[in-house]
Amino acid sequence: MPNISRLADALCLAAAPTFAFLALWTGTHDGGTADMTCMGAASPIGGMVLMYALMAAVHTAPWLRRIARQ
């Protein structure tokens, strides 16, 4: 059985880069109809791009703790 704590740590560390990638991907490719449902869809840095960027920023805490320990 895998160590659940190590699995949770890996998942926490995967969140920020995943959301950052999604922000970049969404910003460089057409957002499609899903982006139309978000407020600020007319702005190139609004809608889903802004949401993914904020989620990446929120999930940087595990990375900051890891850097501070070194």
N, C-alpha and C. Protein backbone atom coordinates (compact mmCIF):
# COMPACT_ATOMS: atom_id res chain seq x y z
N MET A 1 0.84 -1.18 0.00
CA MET A 1 0.00 0.00 0.00
C MET A 1 0.89 1.24 0.00
N PRO A 2 0.65 2.19 -0.91
CA PRO A 2 1.51 3.39 -0.97
C PRO A 2 1.28 4.27 0.25
N ASN A 3 2.32 5.02 0.57
CA ASN A 3 2.23 5.93 1.70
C ASN A 3 1.31 7.08 1.31
N ILE A 4 0.19 7.20 2.01
CA ILE A 4 -0.83 8.20 1.69
C ILE A 4 -0.28 9.62 1.86
N SER A 5 0.57 9.82 2.85
CA SER A 5 1.13 11.15 3.09
C SER A 5 2.01 11.60 1.92
N ARG A 6 2.83 10.69 1.41
CA ARG A 6 3.68 11.04 0.26
C ARG A 6 2.84 11.29 -0.99
N LEU A 7 1.78 10.54 -1.15
CA LEU A 7 0.88 10.73 -2.28
C LEU A 7 0.19 12.10 -2.19
N ALA A 8 -0.24 12.48 -0.99
CA ALA A 8 -0.88 13.79 -0.79
C ALA A 8 0.12 14.91 -1.05
N ASP A 9 1.38 14.74 -0.61
CA ASP A 9 2.40 15.76 -0.87
C ASP A 9 2.65 15.92 -2.37
N ALA A 10 2.71 14.82 -3.08
CA ALA A 10 2.92 14.89 -4.52
C ALA A 10 1.75 15.57 -5.22
N LEU A 11 0.55 15.29 -4.77
CA LEU A 11 -0.63 15.92 -5.36
C LEU A 11 -0.63 17.42 -5.09
N CYS A 12 -0.24 17.84 -3.88
CA CYS A 12 -0.16 19.26 -3.56
C CYS A 12 0.87 19.96 -4.44
N LEU A 13 2.00 19.32 -4.67
CA LEU A 13 3.04 19.92 -5.50
C LEU A 13 2.65 19.96 -6.98
N ALA A 14 1.77 19.08 -7.39
CA ALA A 14 1.36 19.04 -8.80
C ALA A 14 0.33 20.11 -9.14
N ALA A 15 -0.38 20.64 -8.16
CA ALA A 15 -1.48 21.57 -8.42
C ALA A 15 -1.02 22.87 -9.07
N ALA A 16 -0.04 23.55 -8.48
CA ALA A 16 0.39 24.86 -8.99
C ALA A 16 0.91 24.80 -10.43
N PRO A 17 1.82 23.88 -10.76
CA PRO A 17 2.27 23.83 -12.15
C PRO A 17 1.16 23.45 -13.13
N THR A 18 0.23 22.61 -12.69
CA THR A 18 -0.88 22.22 -13.55
C THR A 18 -1.76 23.42 -13.87
N PHE A 19 -2.11 24.20 -12.84
CA PHE A 19 -2.94 25.38 -13.08
C PHE A 19 -2.19 26.44 -13.88
N ALA A 20 -0.88 26.58 -13.66
CA ALA A 20 -0.10 27.54 -14.45
C ALA A 20 -0.09 27.13 -15.92
N PHE A 21 0.08 25.84 -16.18
CA PHE A 21 0.04 25.34 -17.55
C PHE A 21 -1.33 25.60 -18.18
N LEU A 22 -2.39 25.34 -17.43
CA LEU A 22 -3.73 25.57 -17.96
C LEU A 22 -3.98 27.04 -18.26
N ALA A 23 -3.44 27.94 -17.43
CA ALA A 23 -3.58 29.38 -17.69
C ALA A 23 -2.86 29.75 -18.98
N LEU A 24 -1.65 29.23 -19.16
CA LEU A 24 -0.91 29.51 -20.40
C LEU A 24 -1.61 28.92 -21.61
N TRP A 25 -2.07 27.69 -21.49
CA TRP A 25 -2.73 27.03 -22.60
C TRP A 25 -4.01 27.77 -22.99
N THR A 26 -4.81 28.12 -21.99
CA THR A 26 -6.07 28.81 -22.27
C THR A 26 -5.82 30.20 -22.84
N GLY A 27 -4.76 30.85 -22.39
CA GLY A 27 -4.44 32.18 -22.89
C GLY A 27 -3.94 32.19 -24.31
N THR A 28 -3.30 31.12 -24.73
CA THR A 28 -2.75 31.07 -26.08
C THR A 28 -3.66 30.39 -27.09
N HIS A 29 -4.65 29.66 -26.61
CA HIS A 29 -5.59 28.98 -27.49
C HIS A 29 -6.98 29.56 -27.26
N ASP A 30 -7.82 29.41 -28.24
CA ASP A 30 -9.18 29.93 -28.12
C ASP A 30 -9.90 29.28 -26.95
N GLY A 31 -10.47 30.10 -26.08
CA GLY A 31 -11.19 29.59 -24.92
C GLY A 31 -12.47 28.86 -25.27
N GLY A 32 -13.02 29.13 -26.42
CA GLY A 32 -14.23 28.45 -26.85
C GLY A 32 -15.44 28.91 -26.07
N THR A 33 -16.47 28.11 -26.08
CA THR A 33 -17.72 28.50 -25.44
C THR A 33 -17.63 28.45 -23.93
N ALA A 34 -16.74 27.65 -23.37
CA ALA A 34 -16.62 27.59 -21.91
C ALA A 34 -16.17 28.92 -21.34
N ASP A 35 -15.35 29.67 -22.08
CA ASP A 35 -14.87 30.96 -21.61
C ASP A 35 -15.96 32.02 -21.67
N MET A 36 -16.95 31.83 -22.51
CA MET A 36 -18.02 32.79 -22.63
C MET A 36 -18.88 32.86 -21.37
N THR A 37 -18.90 31.80 -20.61
CA THR A 37 -19.72 31.80 -19.39
C THR A 37 -19.05 32.55 -18.25
N CYS A 38 -17.76 32.85 -18.37
CA CYS A 38 -17.04 33.56 -17.31
C CYS A 38 -17.15 35.06 -17.52
N MET A 39 -17.19 35.77 -16.43
CA MET A 39 -17.20 37.23 -16.52
C MET A 39 -15.86 37.70 -17.07
N GLY A 40 -15.88 38.74 -17.86
CA GLY A 40 -14.65 39.27 -18.42
C GLY A 40 -14.14 38.49 -19.60
N ALA A 41 -14.99 37.80 -20.28
CA ALA A 41 -14.56 36.98 -21.41
C ALA A 41 -14.03 37.85 -22.56
N ALA A 42 -14.40 39.13 -22.59
CA ALA A 42 -13.93 40.00 -23.65
C ALA A 42 -12.46 40.39 -23.46
N SER A 43 -11.97 40.30 -22.25
CA SER A 43 -10.59 40.64 -21.95
C SER A 43 -9.70 39.44 -22.19
N PRO A 44 -8.51 39.63 -22.79
CA PRO A 44 -7.62 38.48 -23.02
C PRO A 44 -7.08 37.88 -21.73
N ILE A 45 -7.10 38.62 -20.63
CA ILE A 45 -6.60 38.08 -19.36
C ILE A 45 -7.74 37.89 -18.37
N GLY A 46 -8.93 37.68 -18.87
CA GLY A 46 -10.07 37.48 -18.00
C GLY A 46 -10.59 36.07 -18.13
N GLY A 47 -11.71 35.82 -17.54
CA GLY A 47 -12.37 34.53 -17.64
C GLY A 47 -11.54 33.39 -17.10
N MET A 48 -11.42 32.35 -17.88
CA MET A 48 -10.74 31.14 -17.46
C MET A 48 -9.24 31.36 -17.23
N VAL A 49 -8.62 32.23 -18.02
CA VAL A 49 -7.19 32.49 -17.84
C VAL A 49 -6.94 33.07 -16.46
N LEU A 50 -7.74 34.05 -16.07
CA LEU A 50 -7.60 34.66 -14.75
C LEU A 50 -7.87 33.65 -13.65
N MET A 51 -8.89 32.82 -13.83
CA MET A 51 -9.22 31.82 -12.82
C MET A 51 -8.08 30.82 -12.64
N TYR A 52 -7.50 30.34 -13.75
CA TYR A 52 -6.39 29.40 -13.64
C TYR A 52 -5.15 30.05 -13.03
N ALA A 53 -4.90 31.31 -13.38
CA ALA A 53 -3.74 32.02 -12.79
C ALA A 53 -3.92 32.20 -11.29
N LEU A 54 -5.12 32.54 -10.86
CA LEU A 54 -5.38 32.68 -9.42
C LEU A 54 -5.26 31.34 -8.70
N MET A 55 -5.75 30.28 -9.32
CA MET A 55 -5.64 28.96 -8.70
C MET A 55 -4.17 28.54 -8.59
N ALA A 56 -3.36 28.86 -9.58
CA ALA A 56 -1.92 28.55 -9.51
C ALA A 56 -1.29 29.32 -8.36
N ALA A 57 -1.66 30.59 -8.20
CA ALA A 57 -1.09 31.40 -7.11
C ALA A 57 -1.51 30.87 -5.75
N VAL A 58 -2.76 30.47 -5.62
CA VAL A 58 -3.26 29.94 -4.35
C VAL A 58 -2.54 28.64 -3.98
N HIS A 59 -2.21 27.84 -4.97
CA HIS A 59 -1.60 26.54 -4.70
C HIS A 59 -0.07 26.56 -4.69
N THR A 60 0.54 27.73 -4.56
CA THR A 60 2.01 27.80 -4.46
C THR A 60 2.52 27.56 -3.05
N ALA A 61 1.66 27.51 -2.06
CA ALA A 61 2.09 27.34 -0.67
C ALA A 61 2.99 26.11 -0.46
N PRO A 62 2.65 24.93 -0.98
CA PRO A 62 3.54 23.79 -0.78
C PRO A 62 4.94 24.01 -1.38
N TRP A 63 5.00 24.69 -2.52
CA TRP A 63 6.30 24.99 -3.13
C TRP A 63 7.08 25.97 -2.27
N LEU A 64 6.42 26.98 -1.74
CA LEU A 64 7.11 27.95 -0.89
C LEU A 64 7.63 27.31 0.39
N ARG A 65 6.83 26.41 0.98
CA ARG A 65 7.30 25.69 2.18
C ARG A 65 8.51 24.81 1.84
N ARG A 66 8.45 24.16 0.71
CA ARG A 66 9.57 23.28 0.30
C ARG A 66 10.84 24.09 0.07
N ILE A 67 10.73 25.25 -0.59
CA ILE A 67 11.88 26.11 -0.83
C ILE A 67 12.43 26.67 0.48
N ALA A 68 11.54 27.03 1.40
CA ALA A 68 11.98 27.59 2.68
C ALA A 68 12.74 26.57 3.52
N ARG A 69 12.40 25.29 3.39
CA ARG A 69 13.11 24.24 4.14
C ARG A 69 14.52 24.01 3.65
N GLN A 70 14.79 24.34 2.40
CA GLN A 70 16.13 24.06 1.83
C GLN A 70 17.11 25.15 2.15
